[in-house]
Amino acid sequence: MNLRGKQVLNMTLKKEWFDLIKSGEKKEEYREIKEYWLSRLLNENDEVIKFDYVVFTNGYAANSPKIVVEYKGLKCATGKKKWGGSDQKCIVIKLGKVVG
């Protein structure tokens, strides 16, 4: 899939979550509300960046498996425990279809 000219968010996942997203079962990914993630998801005016896709990588090796998923937005909420969420508020990245 050619992602040239598209706004892409790159994220690394453990195998359990990677496989659930790849299968289409998991429709959200969670990240702690920390400066690192806020700096990646908000622009200099603190506005949410509109991504087209999320590229998930399973691991850190150069040949690690990757999938491309539609980005459907984000919100601040508690995540579903079955998908790795907790009782604390977090950044919820909403996902669409796996497209690559």
PDB file of N, CA and C in Angstrom:
ATOM      1  N   MET A   1       0.849  -1.185   0.000  1.00  0.00           N
ATOM      2  CA  MET A   1       0.000   0.000   0.000  1.00  0.00           C
ATOM      3  C   MET A   1       0.888   1.239   0.000  1.00  0.00           C
ATOM      4  N   ASN A   2       0.584   2.165  -0.856  1.00  0.00           N
ATOM      5  CA  ASN A   2       1.348   3.400  -0.961  1.00  0.00           C
ATOM      6  C   ASN A   2       0.769   4.440   0.004  1.00  0.00           C
ATOM      7  N   LEU A   3       1.568   4.851   0.973  1.00  0.00           N
ATOM      8  CA  LEU A   3       1.116   5.830   1.962  1.00  0.00           C
ATOM      9  C   LEU A   3       1.705   7.212   1.721  1.00  0.00           C
ATOM     10  N   ARG A   4       2.354   7.393   0.581  1.00  0.00           N
ATOM     11  CA  ARG A   4       2.965   8.690   0.267  1.00  0.00           C
ATOM     12  C   ARG A   4       1.891   9.777   0.247  1.00  0.00           C
ATOM     13  N   GLY A   5       2.154  10.863   0.922  1.00  0.00           N
ATOM     14  CA  GLY A   5       1.213  11.975   0.988  1.00  0.00           C
ATOM     15  C   GLY A   5       0.132  11.815   2.047  1.00  0.00           C
ATOM     16  N   LYS A   6       0.135  10.711   2.747  1.00  0.00           N
ATOM     17  CA  LYS A   6      -0.849  10.462   3.801  1.00  0.00           C
ATOM     18  C   LYS A   6      -0.235  10.767   5.161  1.00  0.00           C
ATOM     19  N   GLN A   7      -1.073  11.154   6.090  1.00  0.00           N
ATOM     20  CA  GLN A   7      -0.626  11.416   7.455  1.00  0.00           C
ATOM     21  C   GLN A   7      -0.686  10.086   8.219  1.00  0.00           C
ATOM     22  N   VAL A   8       0.469   9.598   8.667  1.00  0.00           N
ATOM     23  CA  VAL A   8       0.562   8.267   9.262  1.00  0.00           C
ATOM     24  C   VAL A   8       1.087   8.357  10.688  1.00  0.00           C
ATOM     25  N   LEU A   9       0.417   7.642  11.591  1.00  0.00           N
ATOM     26  CA  LEU A   9       0.863   7.490  12.973  1.00  0.00           C
ATOM     27  C   LEU A   9       1.487   6.107  13.091  1.00  0.00           C
ATOM     28  N   ASN A  10       2.726   6.035  13.501  1.00  0.00           N
ATOM     29  CA  ASN A  10       3.428   4.762  13.671  1.00  0.00           C
ATOM     30  C   ASN A  10       3.428   4.368  15.146  1.00  0.00           C
ATOM     31  N   MET A  11       3.068   3.105  15.402  1.00  0.00           N
ATOM     32  CA  MET A  11       3.012   2.612  16.773  1.00  0.00           C
ATOM     33  C   MET A  11       3.533   1.183  16.817  1.00  0.00           C
ATOM     34  N   THR A  12       4.140   0.828  17.931  1.00  0.00           N
ATOM     35  CA  THR A  12       4.649  -0.522  18.148  1.00  0.00           C
ATOM     36  C   THR A  12       3.765  -1.215  19.176  1.00  0.00           C
ATOM     37  N   LEU A  13       3.486  -2.496  18.918  1.00  0.00           N
ATOM     38  CA  LEU A  13       2.600  -3.263  19.785  1.00  0.00           C
ATOM     39  C   LEU A  13       3.202  -4.609  20.161  1.00  0.00           C
ATOM     40  N   LYS A  14       2.737  -5.140  21.284  1.00  0.00           N
ATOM     41  CA  LYS A  14       3.032  -6.525  21.646  1.00  0.00           C
ATOM     42  C   LYS A  14       2.163  -7.434  20.776  1.00  0.00           C
ATOM     43  N   LYS A  15       2.599  -8.666  20.626  1.00  0.00           N
ATOM     44  CA  LYS A  15       1.932  -9.617  19.727  1.00  0.00           C
ATOM     45  C   LYS A  15       0.446  -9.796  20.034  1.00  0.00           C
ATOM     46  N   GLU A  16       0.094  -9.895  21.308  1.00  0.00           N
ATOM     47  CA  GLU A  16      -1.307 -10.095  21.686  1.00  0.00           C
ATOM     48  C   GLU A  16      -2.214  -9.026  21.084  1.00  0.00           C
ATOM     49  N   TRP A  17      -1.839  -7.750  21.242  1.00  0.00           N
ATOM     50  CA  TRP A  17      -2.666  -6.645  20.758  1.00  0.00           C
ATOM     51  C   TRP A  17      -2.569  -6.524  19.237  1.00  0.00           C
ATOM     52  N   PHE A  18      -1.388  -6.763  18.687  1.00  0.00           N
ATOM     53  CA  PHE A  18      -1.189  -6.736  17.238  1.00  0.00           C
ATOM     54  C   PHE A  18      -2.140  -7.741  16.571  1.00  0.00           C
ATOM     55  N   ASP A  19      -2.172  -8.956  17.084  1.00  0.00           N
ATOM     56  CA  ASP A  19      -3.013 -10.003  16.494  1.00  0.00           C
ATOM     57  C   ASP A  19      -4.504  -9.668  16.605  1.00  0.00           C
ATOM     58  N   LEU A  20      -4.928  -9.093  17.724  1.00  0.00           N
ATOM     59  CA  LEU A  20      -6.340  -8.722  17.880  1.00  0.00           C
ATOM     60  C   LEU A  20      -6.745  -7.603  16.929  1.00  0.00           C
ATOM     61  N   ILE A  21      -5.859  -6.639  16.705  1.00  0.00           N
ATOM     62  CA  ILE A  21      -6.149  -5.574  15.751  1.00  0.00           C
ATOM     63  C   ILE A  21      -6.156  -6.137  14.334  1.00  0.00           C
ATOM     64  N   LYS A  22      -5.180  -6.969  14.025  1.00  0.00           N
ATOM     65  CA  LYS A  22      -5.085  -7.574  12.689  1.00  0.00           C
ATOM     66  C   LYS A  22      -6.342  -8.377  12.352  1.00  0.00           C
ATOM     67  N   SER A  23      -6.895  -9.080  13.336  1.00  0.00           N
ATOM     68  CA  SER A  23      -8.100  -9.888  13.111  1.00  0.00           C
ATOM     69  C   SER A  23      -9.360  -9.032  12.972  1.00  0.00           C
ATOM     70  N   GLY A  24      -9.268  -7.738  13.341  1.00  0.00           N
ATOM     71  CA  GLY A  24     -10.427  -6.852  13.287  1.00  0.00           C
ATOM     72  C   GLY A  24     -11.238  -6.832  14.570  1.00  0.00           C
ATOM     73  N   GLU A  25     -10.828  -7.630  15.553  1.00  0.00           N
ATOM     74  CA  GLU A  25     -11.571  -7.706  16.817  1.00  0.00           C
ATOM     75  C   GLU A  25     -11.354  -6.461  17.681  1.00  0.00           C
ATOM     76  N   LYS A  26     -10.114  -6.005  17.786  1.00  0.00           N
ATOM     77  CA  LYS A  26      -9.781  -4.849  18.635  1.00  0.00           C
ATOM     78  C   LYS A  26      -9.878  -3.581  17.800  1.00  0.00           C
ATOM     79  N   LYS A  27     -10.746  -2.661  18.231  1.00  0.00           N
ATOM     80  CA  LYS A  27     -11.018  -1.440  17.467  1.00  0.00           C
ATOM     81  C   LYS A  27     -10.498  -0.177  18.137  1.00  0.00           C
ATOM     82  N   GLU A  28      -9.706  -0.333  19.202  1.00  0.00           N
ATOM     83  CA  GLU A  28      -9.132   0.806  19.915  1.00  0.00           C
ATOM     84  C   GLU A  28      -7.730   0.433  20.374  1.00  0.00           C
ATOM     85  N   GLU A  29      -6.868   1.427  20.438  1.00  0.00           N
ATOM     86  CA  GLU A  29      -5.545   1.250  21.032  1.00  0.00           C
ATOM     87  C   GLU A  29      -5.400   2.318  22.099  1.00  0.00           C
ATOM     88  N   TYR A  30      -4.737   1.979  23.203  1.00  0.00           N
ATOM     89  CA  TYR A  30      -4.659   2.861  24.365  1.00  0.00           C
ATOM     90  C   TYR A  30      -3.227   3.304  24.631  1.00  0.00           C
ATOM     91  N   ARG A  31      -3.106   4.556  25.039  1.00  0.00           N
ATOM     92  CA  ARG A  31      -1.819   5.102  25.456  1.00  0.00           C
ATOM     93  C   ARG A  31      -2.040   5.988  26.666  1.00  0.00           C
ATOM     94  N   GLU A  32      -1.072   5.960  27.587  1.00  0.00           N
ATOM     95  CA  GLU A  32      -1.144   6.811  28.772  1.00  0.00           C
ATOM     96  C   GLU A  32      -1.113   8.275  28.364  1.00  0.00           C
ATOM     97  N   ILE A  33      -1.767   9.095  29.168  1.00  0.00           N
ATOM     98  CA  ILE A  33      -1.749  10.536  28.922  1.00  0.00           C
ATOM     99  C   ILE A  33      -0.428  11.062  29.465  1.00  0.00           C
ATOM    100  N   LYS A  34       0.550  11.128  28.605  1.00  0.00           N
ATOM    101  CA  LYS A  34       1.890  11.579  28.954  1.00  0.00           C
ATOM    102  C   LYS A  34       2.371  12.539  27.875  1.00  0.00           C
ATOM    103  N   GLU A  35       3.347  13.355  28.225  1.00  0.00           N
ATOM    104  CA  GLU A  35       3.879  14.358  27.300  1.00  0.00           C
ATOM    105  C   GLU A  35       4.323  13.736  25.971  1.00  0.00           C
ATOM    106  N   TYR A  36       4.939  12.569  26.031  1.00  0.00           N
ATOM    107  CA  TYR A  36       5.412  11.923  24.804  1.00  0.00           C
ATOM    108  C   TYR A  36       4.269  11.718  23.806  1.00  0.00           C
ATOM    109  N   TRP A  37       3.150  11.134  24.283  1.00  0.00           N
ATOM    110  CA  TRP A  37       2.040  10.871  23.370  1.00  0.00           C
ATOM    111  C   TRP A  37       1.304  12.139  22.984  1.00  0.00           C
ATOM    112  N   LEU A  38       1.177  13.074  23.897  1.00  0.00           N
ATOM    113  CA  LEU A  38       0.537  14.343  23.553  1.00  0.00           C
ATOM    114  C   LEU A  38       1.324  15.062  22.466  1.00  0.00           C
ATOM    115  N   SER A  39       2.654  15.003  22.531  1.00  0.00           N
ATOM    116  CA  SER A  39       3.477  15.669  21.515  1.00  0.00           C
ATOM    117  C   SER A  39       3.365  14.983  20.152  1.00  0.00           C
ATOM    118  N   ARG A  40       3.014  13.714  20.123  1.00  0.00           N
ATOM    119  CA  ARG A  40       2.855  12.995  18.854  1.00  0.00           C
ATOM    120  C   ARG A  40       1.454  13.144  18.275  1.00  0.00           C
ATOM    121  N   LEU A  41       0.475  13.434  19.123  1.00  0.00           N
ATOM    122  CA  LEU A  41      -0.926  13.451  18.686  1.00  0.00           C
ATOM    123  C   LEU A  41      -1.527  14.844  18.553  1.00  0.00           C
ATOM    124  N   LEU A  42      -0.842  15.855  19.108  1.00  0.00           N
ATOM    125  CA  LEU A  42      -1.324  17.235  19.036  1.00  0.00           C
ATOM    126  C   LEU A  42      -0.305  18.100  18.313  1.00  0.00           C
ATOM    127  N   ASN A  43      -0.789  19.118  17.585  1.00  0.00           N
ATOM    128  CA  ASN A  43       0.140  20.041  16.926  1.00  0.00           C
ATOM    129  C   ASN A  43       0.565  21.141  17.895  1.00  0.00           C
ATOM    130  N   GLU A  44       1.315  22.114  17.388  1.00  0.00           N
ATOM    131  CA  GLU A  44       1.853  23.173  18.255  1.00  0.00           C
ATOM    132  C   GLU A  44       0.770  24.053  18.865  1.00  0.00           C
ATOM    133  N   ASN A  45      -0.463  24.017  18.302  1.00  0.00           N
ATOM    134  CA  ASN A  45      -1.592  24.770  18.858  1.00  0.00           C
ATOM    135  C   ASN A  45      -2.483  23.901  19.745  1.00  0.00           C
ATOM    136  N   ASP A  46      -1.973  22.722  20.119  1.00  0.00           N
ATOM    137  CA  ASP A  46      -2.710  21.756  20.941  1.00  0.00           C
ATOM    138  C   ASP A  46      -3.991  21.262  20.278  1.00  0.00           C
ATOM    139  N   GLU A  47      -3.994  21.232  18.945  1.00  0.00           N
ATOM    140  CA  GLU A  47      -5.107  20.668  18.191  1.00  0.00           C
ATOM    141  C   GLU A  47      -4.755  19.235  17.799  1.00  0.00           C
ATOM    142  N   VAL A  48      -5.765  18.377  17.790  1.00  0.00           N
ATOM    143  CA  VAL A  48      -5.550  16.981  17.436  1.00  0.00           C
ATOM    144  C   VAL A  48      -5.128  16.893  15.962  1.00  0.00           C
ATOM    145  N   ILE A  49      -4.050  16.156  15.712  1.00  0.00           N
ATOM    146  CA  ILE A  49      -3.585  15.931  14.348  1.00  0.00           C
ATOM    147  C   ILE A  49      -4.514  14.923  13.689  1.00  0.00           C
ATOM    148  N   LYS A  50      -4.921  15.191  12.460  1.00  0.00           N
ATOM    149  CA  LYS A  50      -5.794  14.283  11.713  1.00  0.00           C
ATOM    150  C   LYS A  50      -4.922  13.321  10.920  1.00  0.00           C
ATOM    151  N   PHE A  51      -4.837  12.102  11.389  1.00  0.00           N
ATOM    152  CA  PHE A  51      -4.091  11.071  10.690  1.00  0.00           C
ATOM    153  C   PHE A  51      -5.019  10.354   9.713  1.00  0.00           C
ATOM    154  N   ASP A  52      -4.438   9.774   8.679  1.00  0.00           N
ATOM    155  CA  ASP A  52      -5.196   8.940   7.746  1.00  0.00           C
ATOM    156  C   ASP A  52      -5.132   7.472   8.157  1.00  0.00           C
ATOM    157  N   TYR A  53      -3.937   7.060   8.595  1.00  0.00           N
ATOM    158  CA  TYR A  53      -3.709   5.657   8.924  1.00  0.00           C
ATOM    159  C   TYR A  53      -2.819   5.529  10.156  1.00  0.00           C
ATOM    160  N   VAL A  54      -2.928   4.361  10.797  1.00  0.00           N
ATOM    161  CA  VAL A  54      -1.995   3.963  11.842  1.00  0.00           C
ATOM    162  C   VAL A  54      -1.255   2.751  11.300  1.00  0.00           C
ATOM    163  N   VAL A  55       0.073   2.786  11.339  1.00  0.00           N
ATOM    164  CA  VAL A  55       0.876   1.625  10.977  1.00  0.00           C
ATOM    165  C   VAL A  55       1.369   1.011  12.282  1.00  0.00           C
ATOM    166  N   PHE A  56       0.897  -0.200  12.540  1.00  0.00           N
ATOM    167  CA  PHE A  56       1.295  -0.928  13.736  1.00  0.00           C
ATOM    168  C   PHE A  56       2.406  -1.906  13.371  1.00  0.00           C
ATOM    169  N   THR A  57       3.436  -1.924  14.206  1.00  0.00           N
ATOM    170  CA  THR A  57       4.540  -2.866  14.043  1.00  0.00           C
ATOM    171  C   THR A  57       4.573  -3.770  15.264  1.00  0.00           C
ATOM    172  N   ASN A  58       4.736  -5.063  15.020  1.00  0.00           N
ATOM    173  CA  ASN A  58       4.823  -6.028  16.110  1.00  0.00           C
ATOM    174  C   ASN A  58       6.289  -6.264  16.430  1.00  0.00           C
ATOM    175  N   GLY A  59       6.853  -5.419  17.300  1.00  0.00           N
ATOM    176  CA  GLY A  59       8.248  -5.534  17.684  1.00  0.00           C
ATOM    177  C   GLY A  59       9.092  -4.426  17.090  1.00  0.00           C
ATOM    178  N   TYR A  60      10.397  -4.518  17.359  1.00  0.00           N
ATOM    179  CA  TYR A  60      11.313  -3.443  16.973  1.00  0.00           C
ATOM    180  C   TYR A  60      12.314  -3.836  15.894  1.00  0.00           C
ATOM    181  N   ALA A  61      12.308  -5.072  15.450  1.00  0.00           N
ATOM    182  CA  ALA A  61      13.266  -5.514  14.430  1.00  0.00           C
ATOM    183  C   ALA A  61      12.890  -4.917  13.066  1.00  0.00           C
ATOM    184  N   ALA A  62      13.864  -4.780  12.210  1.00  0.00           N
ATOM    185  CA  ALA A  62      13.636  -4.218  10.876  1.00  0.00           C
ATOM    186  C   ALA A  62      12.637  -5.045  10.070  1.00  0.00           C
ATOM    187  N   ASN A  63      12.595  -6.342  10.312  1.00  0.00           N
ATOM    188  CA  ASN A  63      11.689  -7.210   9.556  1.00  0.00           C
ATOM    189  C   ASN A  63      10.430  -7.600  10.341  1.00  0.00           C
ATOM    190  N   SER A  64      10.091  -6.840  11.383  1.00  0.00           N
ATOM    191  CA  SER A  64       8.897  -7.123  12.182  1.00  0.00           C
ATOM    192  C   SER A  64       7.635  -6.967  11.337  1.00  0.00           C
ATOM    193  N   PRO A  65       6.611  -7.782  11.600  1.00  0.00           N
ATOM    194  CA  PRO A  65       5.350  -7.663  10.858  1.00  0.00           C
ATOM    195  C   PRO A  65       4.705  -6.297  11.079  1.00  0.00           C
ATOM    196  N   LYS A  66       4.023  -5.806  10.033  1.00  0.00           N
ATOM    197  CA  LYS A  66       3.328  -4.512  10.092  1.00  0.00           C
ATOM    198  C   LYS A  66       1.930  -4.676   9.530  1.00  0.00           C
ATOM    199  N   ILE A  67       1.021  -3.850  10.039  1.00  0.00           N
ATOM    200  CA  ILE A  67      -0.310  -3.741   9.453  1.00  0.00           C
ATOM    201  C   ILE A  67      -0.675  -2.264   9.354  1.00  0.00           C
ATOM    202  N   VAL A  68      -1.512  -1.945   8.388  1.00  0.00           N
ATOM    203  CA  VAL A  68      -1.993  -0.582   8.183  1.00  0.00           C
ATOM    204  C   VAL A  68      -3.488  -0.574   8.498  1.00  0.00           C
ATOM    205  N   VAL A  69      -3.901   0.364   9.350  1.00  0.00           N
ATOM    206  CA  VAL A  69      -5.285   0.418   9.826  1.00  0.00           C
ATOM    207  C   VAL A  69      -5.805   1.845   9.653  1.00  0.00           C
ATOM    208  N   GLU A  70      -7.059   1.974   9.263  1.00  0.00           N
ATOM    209  CA  GLU A  70      -7.676   3.298   9.169  1.00  0.00           C
ATOM    210  C   GLU A  70      -7.712   3.961  10.544  1.00  0.00           C
ATOM    211  N   TYR A  71      -7.392   5.249  10.571  1.00  0.00           N
ATOM    212  CA  TYR A  71      -7.447   6.046  11.795  1.00  0.00           C
ATOM    213  C   TYR A  71      -8.809   6.723  11.843  1.00  0.00           C
ATOM    214  N   LYS A  72      -9.533   6.564  12.947  1.00  0.00           N
ATOM    215  CA  LYS A  72     -10.879   7.119  13.075  1.00  0.00           C
ATOM    216  C   LYS A  72     -10.992   8.196  14.144  1.00  0.00           C
ATOM    217  N   GLY A  73      -9.864   8.660  14.678  1.00  0.00           N
ATOM    218  CA  GLY A  73      -9.900   9.727  15.669  1.00  0.00           C
ATOM    219  C   GLY A  73      -9.412   9.271  17.026  1.00  0.00           C
ATOM    220  N   LEU A  74      -9.499  10.186  17.987  1.00  0.00           N
ATOM    221  CA  LEU A  74      -9.099   9.845  19.342  1.00  0.00           C
ATOM    222  C   LEU A  74      -9.973  10.559  20.339  1.00  0.00           C
ATOM    223  N   LYS A  75      -9.923  10.048  21.552  1.00  0.00           N
ATOM    224  CA  LYS A  75     -10.674  10.645  22.651  1.00  0.00           C
ATOM    225  C   LYS A  75      -9.948  10.332  23.951  1.00  0.00           C
ATOM    226  N   CYS A  76     -10.349  10.998  24.997  1.00  0.00           N
ATOM    227  CA  CYS A  76      -9.818  10.733  26.329  1.00  0.00           C
ATOM    228  C   CYS A  76     -10.924  10.005  27.087  1.00  0.00           C
ATOM    229  N   ALA A  77     -10.633   8.760  27.488  1.00  0.00           N
ATOM    230  CA  ALA A  77     -11.639   7.940  28.154  1.00  0.00           C
ATOM    231  C   ALA A  77     -10.940   6.776  28.842  1.00  0.00           C
ATOM    232  N   THR A  78     -11.724   5.924  29.491  1.00  0.00           N
ATOM    233  CA  THR A  78     -11.156   4.688  30.019  1.00  0.00           C
ATOM    234  C   THR A  78     -11.254   3.633  28.925  1.00  0.00           C
ATOM    235  N   GLY A  79     -10.264   2.757  28.873  1.00  0.00           N
ATOM    236  CA  GLY A  79     -10.246   1.725  27.848  1.00  0.00           C
ATOM    237  C   GLY A  79     -10.920   0.454  28.313  1.00  0.00           C
ATOM    238  N   LYS A  80     -11.253  -0.392  27.350  1.00  0.00           N
ATOM    239  CA  LYS A  80     -11.866  -1.684  27.668  1.00  0.00           C
ATOM    240  C   LYS A  80     -10.796  -2.618  28.217  1.00  0.00           C
ATOM    241  N   LYS A  81     -11.089  -3.215  29.360  1.00  0.00           N
ATOM    242  CA  LYS A  81     -10.101  -4.079  30.020  1.00  0.00           C
ATOM    243  C   LYS A  81      -9.696  -5.259  29.148  1.00  0.00           C
ATOM    244  N   LYS A  82     -10.624  -5.809  28.386  1.00  0.00           N
ATOM    245  CA  LYS A  82     -10.299  -6.968  27.547  1.00  0.00           C
ATOM    246  C   LYS A  82      -9.296  -6.611  26.446  1.00  0.00           C
ATOM    247  N   TRP A  83      -9.137  -5.321  26.175  1.00  0.00           N
ATOM    248  CA  TRP A  83      -8.200  -4.852  25.153  1.00  0.00           C
ATOM    249  C   TRP A  83      -7.001  -4.134  25.769  1.00  0.00           C
ATOM    250  N   GLY A  84      -6.779  -4.295  27.069  1.00  0.00           N
ATOM    251  CA  GLY A  84      -5.617  -3.715  27.719  1.00  0.00           C
ATOM    252  C   GLY A  84      -5.858  -2.405  28.431  1.00  0.00           C
ATOM    253  N   GLY A  85      -7.100  -1.955  28.505  1.00  0.00           N
ATOM    254  CA  GLY A  85      -7.428  -0.714  29.190  1.00  0.00           C
ATOM    255  C   GLY A  85      -7.437  -0.889  30.697  1.00  0.00           C
ATOM    256  N   SER A  86      -7.585   0.222  31.399  1.00  0.00           N
ATOM    257  CA  SER A  86      -7.643   0.191  32.860  1.00  0.00           C
ATOM    258  C   SER A  86      -8.739   1.140  33.329  1.00  0.00           C
ATOM    259  N   ASP A  87      -8.832   1.327  34.643  1.00  0.00           N
ATOM    260  CA  ASP A  87      -9.837   2.236  35.198  1.00  0.00           C
ATOM    261  C   ASP A  87      -9.428   3.695  35.054  1.00  0.00           C
ATOM    262  N   GLN A  88      -8.169   3.941  34.701  1.00  0.00           N
ATOM    263  CA  GLN A  88      -7.687   5.315  34.562  1.00  0.00           C
ATOM    264  C   GLN A  88      -7.965   5.844  33.157  1.00  0.00           C
ATOM    265  N   LYS A  89      -8.213   7.140  33.077  1.00  0.00           N
ATOM    266  CA  LYS A  89      -8.394   7.754  31.762  1.00  0.00           C
ATOM    267  C   LYS A  89      -7.109   7.643  30.968  1.00  0.00           C
ATOM    268  N   CYS A  90      -7.263   7.489  29.671  1.00  0.00           N
ATOM    269  CA  CYS A  90      -6.120   7.360  28.781  1.00  0.00           C
ATOM    270  C   CYS A  90      -6.489   7.958  27.424  1.00  0.00           C
ATOM    271  N   ILE A  91      -5.535   7.965  26.522  1.00  0.00           N
ATOM    272  CA  ILE A  91      -5.798   8.364  25.143  1.00  0.00           C
ATOM    273  C   ILE A  91      -6.311   7.117  24.428  1.00  0.00           C
ATOM    274  N   VAL A  92      -7.480   7.212  23.828  1.00  0.00           N
ATOM    275  CA  VAL A  92      -8.079   6.110  23.092  1.00  0.00           C
ATOM    276  C   VAL A  92      -7.989   6.451  21.605  1.00  0.00           C
ATOM    277  N   ILE A  93      -7.233   5.657  20.869  1.00  0.00           N
ATOM    278  CA  ILE A  93      -7.093   5.846  19.430  1.00  0.00           C
ATOM    279  C   ILE A  93      -8.095   4.905  18.765  1.00  0.00           C
ATOM    280  N   LYS A  94      -9.061   5.485  18.059  1.00  0.00           N
ATOM    281  CA  LYS A  94     -10.134   4.707  17.446  1.00  0.00           C
ATOM    282  C   LYS A  94      -9.663   4.221  16.069  1.00  0.00           C
ATOM    283  N   LEU A  95      -9.927   2.940  15.807  1.00  0.00           N
ATOM    284  CA  LEU A  95      -9.431   2.294  14.604  1.00  0.00           C
ATOM    285  C   LEU A  95     -10.574   1.848  13.699  1.00  0.00           C
ATOM    286  N   GLY A  96     -10.297   1.869  12.389  1.00  0.00           N
ATOM    287  CA  GLY A  96     -11.247   1.374  11.400  1.00  0.00           C
ATOM    288  C   GLY A  96     -10.789   0.038  10.854  1.00  0.00           C
ATOM    289  N   LYS A  97     -10.937  -0.119   9.546  1.00  0.00           N
ATOM    290  CA  LYS A  97     -10.597  -1.380   8.888  1.00  0.00           C
ATOM    291  C   LYS A  97      -9.087  -1.557   8.737  1.00  0.00           C
ATOM    292  N   VAL A  98      -8.649  -2.804   8.759  1.00  0.00           N
ATOM    293  CA  VAL A  98      -7.276  -3.146   8.416  1.00  0.00           C
ATOM    294  C   VAL A  98      -7.210  -3.113   6.888  1.00  0.00           C
ATOM    295  N   VAL A  99      -6.316  -2.284   6.362  1.00  0.00           N
ATOM    296  CA  VAL A  99      -6.260  -2.100   4.898  1.00  0.00           C
ATOM    297  C   VAL A  99      -4.933  -2.568   4.284  1.00  0.00           C
ATOM    298  N   GLY A 100      -4.034  -3.007   5.089  1.00  0.00           N
ATOM    299  CA  GLY A 100      -2.769  -3.465   4.535  1.00  0.00           C
ATOM    300  C   GLY A 100      -1.906  -4.131   5.559  1.00  0.00           C
TER     301      GLY A 100
END
